[in-house]
């Protein structure tokens, strides 16, 4: 799954927030759910327009960014 299939940003959708592609669900909502202790399945039940592949893909993108950002900071 490509980044464009996982997330998108458009000034006309949710005021330009990063959302799951093809939805109006900001990726921040997934982070909030996980931080609150909800499971991925609970998030997906609450937001059926987001696919499991998109959610997992976003988490992988975030991990890659954290790893490369950490490497740059070191």
Protein backbone atom coordinates (compact mmCIF):
# COMPACT_ATOMS: atom_id res chain seq x y z
CA UNK A 1 0.00 0.00 0.00
CA UNK A 2 1.44 3.37 -0.98
CA UNK A 3 1.52 6.46 1.23
CA UNK A 4 -1.16 8.05 -1.00
CA UNK A 5 -3.42 5.05 -0.36
CA UNK A 6 -2.88 5.39 3.39
CA UNK A 7 -3.08 9.12 4.10
CA UNK A 8 -3.90 12.39 2.37
CA UNK A 9 -3.95 16.09 3.11
CA UNK A 10 -6.26 18.56 1.37
CA UNK A 11 -7.00 22.08 2.59
CA UNK A 12 -10.67 21.47 1.74
CA UNK A 13 -10.93 18.30 3.86
CA UNK A 14 -10.90 18.69 7.64
CA UNK A 15 -9.07 22.03 7.34
CA UNK A 16 -6.01 20.35 5.86
CA UNK A 17 -5.51 17.81 8.65
CA UNK A 18 -3.73 14.58 7.74
CA UNK A 19 -6.55 12.08 7.20
CA UNK A 20 -6.84 8.47 6.13
CA UNK A 21 -7.11 8.51 2.33
CA UNK A 22 -10.66 8.54 1.04
CA UNK A 23 -12.09 9.47 4.46
CA UNK A 24 -12.55 12.48 6.70
CA UNK A 25 -10.96 10.67 9.65
CA UNK A 26 -7.84 12.45 10.93
CA UNK A 27 -4.94 10.14 11.75
CA UNK A 28 -4.74 11.97 15.07
CA UNK A 29 -7.93 10.17 16.10
CA UNK A 30 -6.16 6.79 15.79
CA UNK A 31 -3.32 8.05 17.96
CA UNK A 32 -5.79 9.36 20.54
CA UNK A 33 -7.61 6.02 20.66
CA UNK A 34 -4.42 4.02 21.07
CA UNK A 35 -3.07 6.42 23.70
CA UNK A 36 -6.34 6.05 25.63
CA UNK A 37 -5.81 2.28 25.70
CA UNK A 38 -8.26 1.33 22.96
CA UNK A 39 -7.33 -1.52 20.66
CA UNK A 40 -6.93 -1.16 16.93
CA UNK A 41 -10.07 -3.25 16.51
CA UNK A 42 -12.04 -0.81 18.69
CA UNK A 43 -10.83 2.10 16.56
CA UNK A 44 -11.79 0.28 13.37
CA UNK A 45 -15.25 -0.48 14.77
CA UNK A 46 -15.74 3.22 15.55
CA UNK A 47 -14.45 4.33 12.13
CA UNK A 48 -15.47 1.71 9.54
CA UNK A 49 -14.40 3.95 6.65
CA UNK A 50 -10.76 3.33 7.67
CA UNK A 51 -9.39 -0.05 6.59
CA UNK A 52 -7.12 -2.17 8.76
CA UNK A 53 -4.48 -1.88 6.04
CA UNK A 54 -4.62 1.92 6.23
CA UNK A 55 -4.37 1.97 10.03
CA UNK A 56 -1.46 -0.47 10.14
CA UNK A 57 0.16 1.30 7.19
CA UNK A 58 -0.04 4.62 9.02
CA UNK A 59 1.53 3.13 12.15
CA UNK A 60 4.37 1.73 10.02
CA UNK A 61 4.86 5.14 8.36
CA UNK A 62 4.93 6.80 11.78
CA UNK A 63 7.50 4.29 13.05
CA UNK A 64 9.70 4.81 9.99
CA UNK A 65 9.49 8.58 10.47
CA UNK A 66 10.33 8.26 14.16
CA UNK A 67 13.33 6.06 13.37
CA UNK A 68 14.69 8.31 10.64
CA UNK A 69 13.97 11.44 12.68
CA UNK A 70 15.79 9.93 15.64
CA UNK A 71 18.74 9.03 13.43
CA UNK A 72 18.93 12.62 12.15
CA UNK A 73 18.78 14.01 15.69
CA UNK A 74 21.62 11.78 16.93
